[in-house]
PDB file of N, CA and C in Angstrom:
ATOM      1  N   MET A   1       0.844  -1.182   0.000  1.00  0.00           N
ATOM      2  CA  MET A   1       0.000   0.000   0.000  1.00  0.00           C
ATOM      3  C   MET A   1       0.886   1.241   0.000  1.00  0.00           C
ATOM      4  N   PRO A   2       0.735   2.133  -1.004  1.00  0.00           N
ATOM      5  CA  PRO A   2       1.579   3.324  -1.050  1.00  0.00           C
ATOM      6  C   PRO A   2       1.180   4.332   0.030  1.00  0.00           C
ATOM      7  N   LEU A   3       2.178   5.030   0.513  1.00  0.00           N
ATOM      8  CA  LEU A   3       1.927   6.047   1.526  1.00  0.00           C
ATOM      9  C   LEU A   3       1.373   7.303   0.869  1.00  0.00           C
ATOM     10  N   LYS A   4       0.527   8.004   1.581  1.00  0.00           N
ATOM     11  CA  LYS A   4      -0.034   9.244   1.064  1.00  0.00           C
ATOM     12  C   LYS A   4       0.933  10.380   1.348  1.00  0.00           C
ATOM     13  N   ASP A   5       1.062  11.263   0.382  1.00  0.00           N
ATOM     14  CA  ASP A   5       1.942  12.414   0.529  1.00  0.00           C
ATOM     15  C   ASP A   5       1.060  13.638   0.795  1.00  0.00           C
ATOM     16  N   ALA A   6       1.025  14.088   2.042  1.00  0.00           N
ATOM     17  CA  ALA A   6       0.152  15.203   2.425  1.00  0.00           C
ATOM     18  C   ALA A   6       0.675  16.542   1.922  1.00  0.00           C
ATOM     19  N   SER A   7       1.918  16.590   1.477  1.00  0.00           N
ATOM     20  CA  SER A   7       2.465  17.864   1.019  1.00  0.00           C
ATOM     21  C   SER A   7       2.100  18.166  -0.431  1.00  0.00           C
ATOM     22  N   ARG A   8       1.582  17.185  -1.158  1.00  0.00           N
ATOM     23  CA  ARG A   8       1.193  17.408  -2.553  1.00  0.00           C
ATOM     24  C   ARG A   8      -0.130  18.141  -2.625  1.00  0.00           C
ATOM     25  N   THR A   9      -0.261  19.008  -3.614  1.00  0.00           N
ATOM     26  CA  THR A   9      -1.497  19.756  -3.817  1.00  0.00           C
ATOM     27  C   THR A   9      -2.543  18.837  -4.438  1.00  0.00           C
ATOM     28  N   PRO A  10      -3.764  18.829  -3.901  1.00  0.00           N
ATOM     29  CA  PRO A  10      -4.796  17.976  -4.495  1.00  0.00           C
ATOM     30  C   PRO A  10      -5.159  18.442  -5.901  1.00  0.00           C
ATOM     31  N   THR A  11      -5.325  17.493  -6.810  1.00  0.00           N
ATOM     32  CA  THR A  11      -5.653  17.810  -8.198  1.00  0.00           C
ATOM     33  C   THR A  11      -6.901  17.044  -8.615  1.00  0.00           C
ATOM     34  N   LEU A  12      -7.570  17.583  -9.601  1.00  0.00           N
ATOM     35  CA  LEU A  12      -8.735  16.945 -10.184  1.00  0.00           C
ATOM     36  C   LEU A  12      -8.641  17.148 -11.681  1.00  0.00           C
ATOM     37  N   LEU A  13      -8.610  16.088 -12.433  1.00  0.00           N
ATOM     38  CA  LEU A  13      -8.425  16.125 -13.888  1.00  0.00           C
ATOM     39  C   LEU A  13      -7.121  16.823 -14.272  1.00  0.00           C
ATOM     40  N   GLY A  14      -6.120  16.704 -13.441  1.00  0.00           N
ATOM     41  CA  GLY A  14      -4.816  17.284 -13.739  1.00  0.00           C
ATOM     42  C   GLY A  14      -4.668  18.744 -13.350  1.00  0.00           C
ATOM     43  N   LEU A  15      -5.754  19.393 -12.934  1.00  0.00           N
ATOM     44  CA  LEU A  15      -5.705  20.790 -12.520  1.00  0.00           C
ATOM     45  C   LEU A  15      -5.744  20.883 -11.004  1.00  0.00           C
ATOM     46  N   ASP A  16      -5.231  21.992 -10.503  1.00  0.00           N
ATOM     47  CA  ASP A  16      -5.268  22.258  -9.075  1.00  0.00           C
ATOM     48  C   ASP A  16      -6.720  22.283  -8.603  1.00  0.00           C
ATOM     49  N   ALA A  17      -6.989  21.716  -7.439  1.00  0.00           N
ATOM     50  CA  ALA A  17      -8.359  21.663  -6.930  1.00  0.00           C
ATOM     51  C   ALA A  17      -8.909  23.048  -6.635  1.00  0.00           C
ATOM     52  N   LYS A  18      -8.031  24.050  -6.475  1.00  0.00           N
ATOM     53  CA  LYS A  18      -8.497  25.417  -6.230  1.00  0.00           C
ATOM     54  C   LYS A  18      -9.266  25.964  -7.435  1.00  0.00           C
ATOM     55  N   ALA A  19      -8.924  25.510  -8.617  1.00  0.00           N
ATOM     56  CA  ALA A  19      -9.648  25.959  -9.819  1.00  0.00           C
ATOM     57  C   ALA A  19     -11.114  25.557  -9.734  1.00  0.00           C
ATOM     58  N   PHE A  20     -11.384  24.362  -9.252  1.00  0.00           N
ATOM     59  CA  PHE A  20     -12.754  23.900  -9.132  1.00  0.00           C
ATOM     60  C   PHE A  20     -13.452  24.562  -7.949  1.00  0.00           C
ATOM     61  N   ALA A  21     -12.708  24.894  -6.897  1.00  0.00           N
ATOM     62  CA  ALA A  21     -13.305  25.578  -5.753  1.00  0.00           C
ATOM     63  C   ALA A  21     -13.744  26.989  -6.137  1.00  0.00           C
ATOM     64  N   PHE A  22     -12.969  27.663  -6.985  1.00  0.00           N
ATOM     65  CA  PHE A  22     -13.331  29.012  -7.424  1.00  0.00           C
ATOM     66  C   PHE A  22     -14.532  28.997  -8.362  1.00  0.00           C
ATOM     67  N   THR A  23     -14.705  27.932  -9.110  1.00  0.00           N
ATOM     68  CA  THR A  23     -15.762  27.908 -10.124  1.00  0.00           C
ATOM     69  C   THR A  23     -17.014  27.160  -9.687  1.00  0.00           C
ATOM     70  N   PHE A  24     -16.987  26.449  -8.591  1.00  0.00           N
ATOM     71  CA  PHE A  24     -18.155  25.669  -8.176  1.00  0.00           C
ATOM     72  C   PHE A  24     -19.409  26.526  -7.993  1.00  0.00           C
ATOM     73  N   PRO A  25     -19.346  27.707  -7.336  1.00  0.00           N
ATOM     74  CA  PRO A  25     -20.574  28.511  -7.208  1.00  0.00           C
ATOM     75  C   PRO A  25     -21.152  28.960  -8.549  1.00  0.00           C
ATOM     76  N   ALA A  26     -20.336  29.056  -9.575  1.00  0.00           N
ATOM     77  CA  ALA A  26     -20.835  29.482 -10.886  1.00  0.00           C
ATOM     78  C   ALA A  26     -21.754  28.427 -11.492  1.00  0.00           C
ATOM     79  N   PHE A  27     -21.595  27.172 -11.118  1.00  0.00           N
ATOM     80  CA  PHE A  27     -22.448  26.127 -11.664  1.00  0.00           C
ATOM     81  C   PHE A  27     -23.847  26.132 -11.051  1.00  0.00           C
ATOM     82  N   LEU A  28     -24.035  26.909  -9.981  1.00  0.00           N
ATOM     83  CA  LEU A  28     -25.356  27.010  -9.375  1.00  0.00           C
ATOM     84  C   LEU A  28     -26.236  28.028 -10.103  1.00  0.00           C
ATOM     85  N   HIS A  29     -25.617  28.905 -10.870  1.00  0.00           N
ATOM     86  CA  HIS A  29     -26.362  29.917 -11.627  1.00  0.00           C
ATOM     87  C   HIS A  29     -25.729  30.006 -13.020  1.00  0.00           C
ATOM     88  N   ILE A  30     -26.155  29.141 -13.892  1.00  0.00           N
ATOM     89  CA  ILE A  30     -25.523  29.018 -15.205  1.00  0.00           C
ATOM     90  C   ILE A  30     -26.101  30.052 -16.164  1.00  0.00           C
ATOM     91  N   ASN A  31     -25.237  30.906 -16.664  1.00  0.00           N
ATOM     92  CA  ASN A  31     -25.570  31.812 -17.760  1.00  0.00           C
ATOM     93  C   ASN A  31     -24.278  32.127 -18.508  1.00  0.00           C
ATOM     94  N   MET A  32     -24.342  33.019 -19.459  1.00  0.00           N
ATOM     95  CA  MET A  32     -23.183  33.307 -20.317  1.00  0.00           C
ATOM     96  C   MET A  32     -22.005  33.863 -19.516  1.00  0.00           C
ATOM     97  N   TRP A  33     -22.286  34.774 -18.576  1.00  0.00           N
ATOM     98  CA  TRP A  33     -21.206  35.423 -17.828  1.00  0.00           C
ATOM     99  C   TRP A  33     -20.516  34.467 -16.868  1.00  0.00           C
ATOM    100  N   THR A  34     -21.274  33.604 -16.210  1.00  0.00           N
ATOM    101  CA  THR A  34     -20.642  32.672 -15.283  1.00  0.00           C
ATOM    102  C   THR A  34     -19.834  31.613 -16.034  1.00  0.00           C
ATOM    103  N   MET A  35     -20.305  31.187 -17.189  1.00  0.00           N
ATOM    104  CA  MET A  35     -19.528  30.219 -17.953  1.00  0.00           C
ATOM    105  C   MET A  35     -18.261  30.861 -18.528  1.00  0.00           C
ATOM    106  N   THR A  36     -18.332  32.159 -18.856  1.00  0.00           N
ATOM    107  CA  THR A  36     -17.135  32.885 -19.285  1.00  0.00           C
ATOM    108  C   THR A  36     -16.141  32.965 -18.138  1.00  0.00           C
ATOM    109  N   TYR A  37     -16.658  33.229 -16.929  1.00  0.00           N
ATOM    110  CA  TYR A  37     -15.813  33.250 -15.728  1.00  0.00           C
ATOM    111  C   TYR A  37     -15.149  31.893 -15.511  1.00  0.00           C
ATOM    112  N   VAL A  38     -15.915  30.819 -15.657  1.00  0.00           N
ATOM    113  CA  VAL A  38     -15.369  29.465 -15.500  1.00  0.00           C
ATOM    114  C   VAL A  38     -14.287  29.199 -16.538  1.00  0.00           C
ATOM    115  N   PHE A  39     -14.549  29.579 -17.778  1.00  0.00           N
ATOM    116  CA  PHE A  39     -13.583  29.368 -18.855  1.00  0.00           C
ATOM    117  C   PHE A  39     -12.270  30.103 -18.557  1.00  0.00           C
ATOM    118  N   PHE A  40     -12.352  31.380 -18.189  1.00  0.00           N
ATOM    119  CA  PHE A  40     -11.139  32.148 -17.914  1.00  0.00           C
ATOM    120  C   PHE A  40     -10.412  31.657 -16.664  1.00  0.00           C
ATOM    121  N   THR A  41     -11.152  31.183 -15.673  1.00  0.00           N
ATOM    122  CA  THR A  41     -10.512  30.625 -14.479  1.00  0.00           C
ATOM    123  C   THR A  41      -9.739  29.363 -14.829  1.00  0.00           C
ATOM    124  N   PHE A  42     -10.361  28.478 -15.609  1.00  0.00           N
ATOM    125  CA  PHE A  42      -9.655  27.266 -16.032  1.00  0.00           C
ATOM    126  C   PHE A  42      -8.465  27.608 -16.918  1.00  0.00           C
ATOM    127  N   ALA A  43      -8.621  28.607 -17.777  1.00  0.00           N
ATOM    128  CA  ALA A  43      -7.507  29.021 -18.639  1.00  0.00           C
ATOM    129  C   ALA A  43      -6.345  29.546 -17.794  1.00  0.00           C
ATOM    130  N   LEU A  44      -6.652  30.304 -16.743  1.00  0.00           N
ATOM    131  CA  LEU A  44      -5.608  30.793 -15.845  1.00  0.00           C
ATOM    132  C   LEU A  44      -4.865  29.645 -15.174  1.00  0.00           C
ATOM    133  N   PHE A  45      -5.601  28.671 -14.666  1.00  0.00           N
ATOM    134  CA  PHE A  45      -4.958  27.549 -13.988  1.00  0.00           C
ATOM    135  C   PHE A  45      -4.190  26.654 -14.959  1.00  0.00           C
ATOM    136  N   ILE A  46      -4.676  26.515 -16.185  1.00  0.00           N
ATOM    137  CA  ILE A  46      -3.921  25.750 -17.186  1.00  0.00           C
ATOM    138  C   ILE A  46      -2.634  26.482 -17.538  1.00  0.00           C
ATOM    139  N   PHE A  47      -2.724  27.808 -17.685  1.00  0.00           N
ATOM    140  CA  PHE A  47      -1.526  28.620 -17.954  1.00  0.00           C
ATOM    141  C   PHE A  47      -0.510  28.489 -16.812  1.00  0.00           C
ATOM    142  N   LEU A  48      -0.987  28.552 -15.557  1.00  0.00           N
ATOM    143  CA  LEU A  48      -0.085  28.418 -14.410  1.00  0.00           C
ATOM    144  C   LEU A  48       0.537  27.025 -14.358  1.00  0.00           C
ATOM    145  N   LYS A  49      -0.241  26.004 -14.737  1.00  0.00           N
ATOM    146  CA  LYS A  49       0.304  24.643 -14.731  1.00  0.00           C
ATOM    147  C   LYS A  49       1.377  24.477 -15.805  1.00  0.00           C
ATOM    148  N   VAL A  50       1.149  25.048 -16.990  1.00  0.00           N
ATOM    149  CA  VAL A  50       2.124  24.947 -18.079  1.00  0.00           C
ATOM    150  C   VAL A  50       3.412  25.669 -17.699  1.00  0.00           C
ATOM    151  N   LYS A  51       3.282  26.838 -17.076  1.00  0.00           N
ATOM    152  CA  LYS A  51       4.456  27.623 -16.659  1.00  0.00           C
ATOM    153  C   LYS A  51       5.058  27.148 -15.337  1.00  0.00           C
ATOM    154  N   ARG A  52       4.404  26.179 -14.691  1.00  0.00           N
ATOM    155  CA  ARG A  52       4.837  25.632 -13.400  1.00  0.00           C
ATOM    156  C   ARG A  52       4.939  26.707 -12.319  1.00  0.00           C
ATOM    157  N   LEU A  53       3.881  27.524 -12.233  1.00  0.00           N
ATOM    158  CA  LEU A  53       3.798  28.581 -11.233  1.00  0.00           C
ATOM    159  C   LEU A  53       2.663  28.271 -10.269  1.00  0.00           C
ATOM    160  N   SER A  54       2.730  28.839  -9.076  1.00  0.00           N
ATOM    161  CA  SER A  54       1.672  28.620  -8.091  1.00  0.00           C
ATOM    162  C   SER A  54       0.669  29.762  -8.147  1.00  0.00           C
ATOM    163  N   ILE A  55      -0.501  29.538  -7.557  1.00  0.00           N
ATOM    164  CA  ILE A  55      -1.522  30.575  -7.523  1.00  0.00           C
ATOM    165  C   ILE A  55      -1.068  31.718  -6.614  1.00  0.00           C
ATOM    166  N   GLY A  56      -0.266  31.417  -5.598  1.00  0.00           N
ATOM    167  CA  GLY A  56       0.267  32.464  -4.725  1.00  0.00           C
ATOM    168  C   GLY A  56       1.167  33.419  -5.480  1.00  0.00           C
ATOM    169  N   TYR A  57       1.969  32.872  -6.374  1.00  0.00           N
ATOM    170  CA  TYR A  57       2.839  33.717  -7.198  1.00  0.00           C
ATOM    171  C   TYR A  57       1.999  34.599  -8.114  1.00  0.00           C
ATOM    172  N   ALA A  58       0.974  34.033  -8.719  1.00  0.00           N
ATOM    173  CA  ALA A  58       0.113  34.813  -9.623  1.00  0.00           C
ATOM    174  C   ALA A  58      -0.602  35.921  -8.854  1.00  0.00           C
ATOM    175  N   TYR A  59      -1.026  35.641  -7.628  1.00  0.00           N
ATOM    176  CA  TYR A  59      -1.691  36.655  -6.805  1.00  0.00           C
ATOM    177  C   TYR A  59      -0.731  37.789  -6.467  1.00  0.00           C
ATOM    178  N   ARG A  60       0.472  37.450  -6.013  1.00  0.00           N
ATOM    179  CA  ARG A  60       1.456  38.485  -5.674  1.00  0.00           C
ATOM    180  C   ARG A  60       1.843  39.294  -6.904  1.00  0.00           C
ATOM    181  N   ARG A  61       1.960  38.647  -8.041  1.00  0.00           N
ATOM    182  CA  ARG A  61       2.323  39.342  -9.274  1.00  0.00           C
ATOM    183  C   ARG A  61       1.214  40.308  -9.713  1.00  0.00           C
ATOM    184  N   SER A  62      -0.036  39.883  -9.614  1.00  0.00           N
ATOM    185  CA  SER A  62      -1.129  40.761 -10.020  1.00  0.00           C
ATOM    186  C   SER A  62      -1.271  41.943  -9.060  1.00  0.00           C
ATOM    187  N   ILE A  63      -1.058  41.726  -7.771  1.00  0.00           N
ATOM    188  CA  ILE A  63      -1.124  42.829  -6.809  1.00  0.00           C
ATOM    189  C   ILE A  63       0.003  43.816  -7.076  1.00  0.00           C
ATOM    190  N   SER A  64       1.195  43.327  -7.382  1.00  0.00           N
ATOM    191  CA  SER A  64       2.310  44.234  -7.642  1.00  0.00           C
ATOM    192  C   SER A  64       2.104  45.016  -8.934  1.00  0.00           C
ATOM    193  N   LEU A  65       1.400  44.435  -9.912  1.00  0.00           N
ATOM    194  CA  LEU A  65       1.105  45.168 -11.142  1.00  0.00           C
ATOM    195  C   LEU A  65       0.047  46.250 -10.925  1.00  0.00           C
ATOM    196  N   LEU A  66      -0.868  46.017  -9.985  1.00  0.00           N
ATOM    197  CA  LEU A  66      -1.929  46.983  -9.730  1.00  0.00           C
ATOM    198  C   LEU A  66      -1.458  48.193  -8.925  1.00  0.00           C
ATOM    199  N   ARG A  67      -0.482  47.992  -8.060  1.00  0.00           N
ATOM    200  CA  ARG A  67      -0.005  49.131  -7.273  1.00  0.00           C
ATOM    201  C   ARG A  67       1.105  49.843  -8.029  1.00  0.00           C
ATOM    202  N   SER A  68       1.511  50.973  -7.507  1.00  0.00           N
ATOM    203  CA  SER A  68       2.525  51.765  -8.207  1.00  0.00           C
ATOM    204  C   SER A  68       3.917  51.175  -8.017  1.00  0.00           C
ATOM    205  N   LYS A  69       4.869  51.722  -8.738  1.00  0.00           N
ATOM    206  CA  LYS A  69       6.243  51.219  -8.664  1.00  0.00           C
ATOM    207  C   LYS A  69       6.887  51.541  -7.314  1.00  0.00           C
ATOM    208  N   SER A  70       6.587  52.725  -6.766  1.00  0.00           N
ATOM    209  CA  SER A  70       7.176  53.094  -5.482  1.00  0.00           C
ATOM    210  C   SER A  70       6.160  52.855  -4.371  1.00  0.00           C
ATOM    211  N   VAL A  71       6.524  52.033  -3.420  1.00  0.00           N
ATOM    212  CA  VAL A  71       5.647  51.716  -2.307  1.00  0.00           C
ATOM    213  C   VAL A  71       6.182  52.420  -1.075  1.00  0.00           C
ATOM    214  N   SER A  72       5.340  53.240  -0.475  1.00  0.00           N
ATOM    215  CA  SER A  72       5.749  53.986   0.704  1.00  0.00           C
ATOM    216  C   SER A  72       5.653  53.096   1.932  1.00  0.00           C
ATOM    217  N   SER A  73       6.569  53.304   2.862  1.00  0.00           N
ATOM    218  CA  SER A  73       6.537  52.511   4.084  1.00  0.00           C
ATOM    219  C   SER A  73       5.591  53.131   5.105  1.00  0.00           C
ATOM    220  N   ARG A  74       5.127  54.336   4.839  1.00  0.00           N
ATOM    221  CA  ARG A  74       4.197  55.002   5.742  1.00  0.00           C
ATOM    222  C   ARG A  74       2.821  55.083   5.084  1.00  0.00           C
ATOM    223  N   PRO A  75       1.765  55.113   5.888  1.00  0.00           N
ATOM    224  CA  PRO A  75       0.438  55.269   5.307  1.00  0.00           C
ATOM    225  C   PRO A  75       0.245  56.657   4.715  1.00  0.00           C
ATOM    226  N   TRP A  76      -0.766  56.821   3.891  1.00  0.00           N
ATOM    227  CA  TRP A  76      -0.958  58.068   3.165  1.00  0.00           C
ATOM    228  C   TRP A  76      -1.206  59.256   4.083  1.00  0.00           C
ATOM    229  N   TRP A  77      -1.793  58.998   5.281  1.00  0.00           N
ATOM    230  CA  TRP A  77      -2.102  60.138   6.153  1.00  0.00           C
ATOM    231  C   TRP A  77      -0.897  60.640   6.932  1.00  0.00           C
ATOM    232  N   VAL A  78       0.213  59.934   6.875  1.00  0.00           N
ATOM    233  CA  VAL A  78       1.415  60.364   7.580  1.00  0.00           C
ATOM    234  C   VAL A  78       2.417  61.001   6.623  1.00  0.00           C
ATOM    235  N   LEU A  79       2.222  60.792   5.340  1.00  0.00           N
ATOM    236  CA  LEU A  79       3.175  61.306   4.373  1.00  0.00           C
ATOM    237  C   LEU A  79       3.343  62.818   4.480  1.00  0.00           C
ATOM    238  N   LYS A  80       4.507  63.272   4.143  1.00  0.00           N
ATOM    239  CA  LYS A  80       4.848  64.682   4.266  1.00  0.00           C
ATOM    240  C   LYS A  80       3.943  65.560   3.403  1.00  0.00           C
ATOM    241  N   LYS A  81       3.475  65.030   2.313  1.00  0.00           N
ATOM    242  CA  LYS A  81       2.665  65.801   1.385  1.00  0.00           C
ATOM    243  C   LYS A  81       1.377  66.318   2.037  1.00  0.00           C
ATOM    244  N   TRP A  82       0.750  65.492   2.899  1.00  0.00           N
ATOM    245  CA  TRP A  82      -0.499  65.881   3.535  1.00  0.00           C
ATOM    246  C   TRP A  82      -0.328  66.368   4.980  1.00  0.00           C
ATOM    247  N   ARG A  83       0.904  66.406   5.456  1.00  0.00           N
ATOM    248  CA  ARG A  83       1.157  66.775   6.839  1.00  0.00           C
ATOM    249  C   ARG A  83       0.867  68.264   7.048  1.00  0.00           C
ATOM    250  N   VAL A  84       0.184  68.592   8.136  1.00  0.00           N
ATOM    251  CA  VAL A  84      -0.114  69.975   8.466  1.00  0.00           C
ATOM    252  C   VAL A  84       1.108  70.569   9.155  1.00  0.00           C
ATOM    253  N   ARG A  85       1.609  71.641   8.603  1.00  0.00           N
ATOM    254  CA  ARG A  85       2.804  72.263   9.171  1.00  0.00           C
ATOM    255  C   ARG A  85       2.360  73.401  10.087  1.00  0.00           C
ATOM    256  N   ALA A  86       2.834  73.374  11.302  1.00  0.00           N
ATOM    257  CA  ALA A  86       2.456  74.415  12.265  1.00  0.00           C
ATOM    258  C   ALA A  86       3.599  75.382  12.516  1.00  0.00           C
TER     259      ALA A  86
END
């Protein structure tokens, strides 16, 4: 009897099980937009599988693309630009 490897990511039909978890609610309300969402979600996970990347990497990459190039270490209300000078 082979031992189970708990460190492996669960897969279904060769795709990460997270792909099916993200799309399962869409099957409860089937229309054109939800099936488009399912298609693009599966396409994303297939792309990540081909490139051998994790969903965590894709999330961090998309967040870094959405924010600006310079990230301030202080919140916006402390920045010198908005500081009230007395």
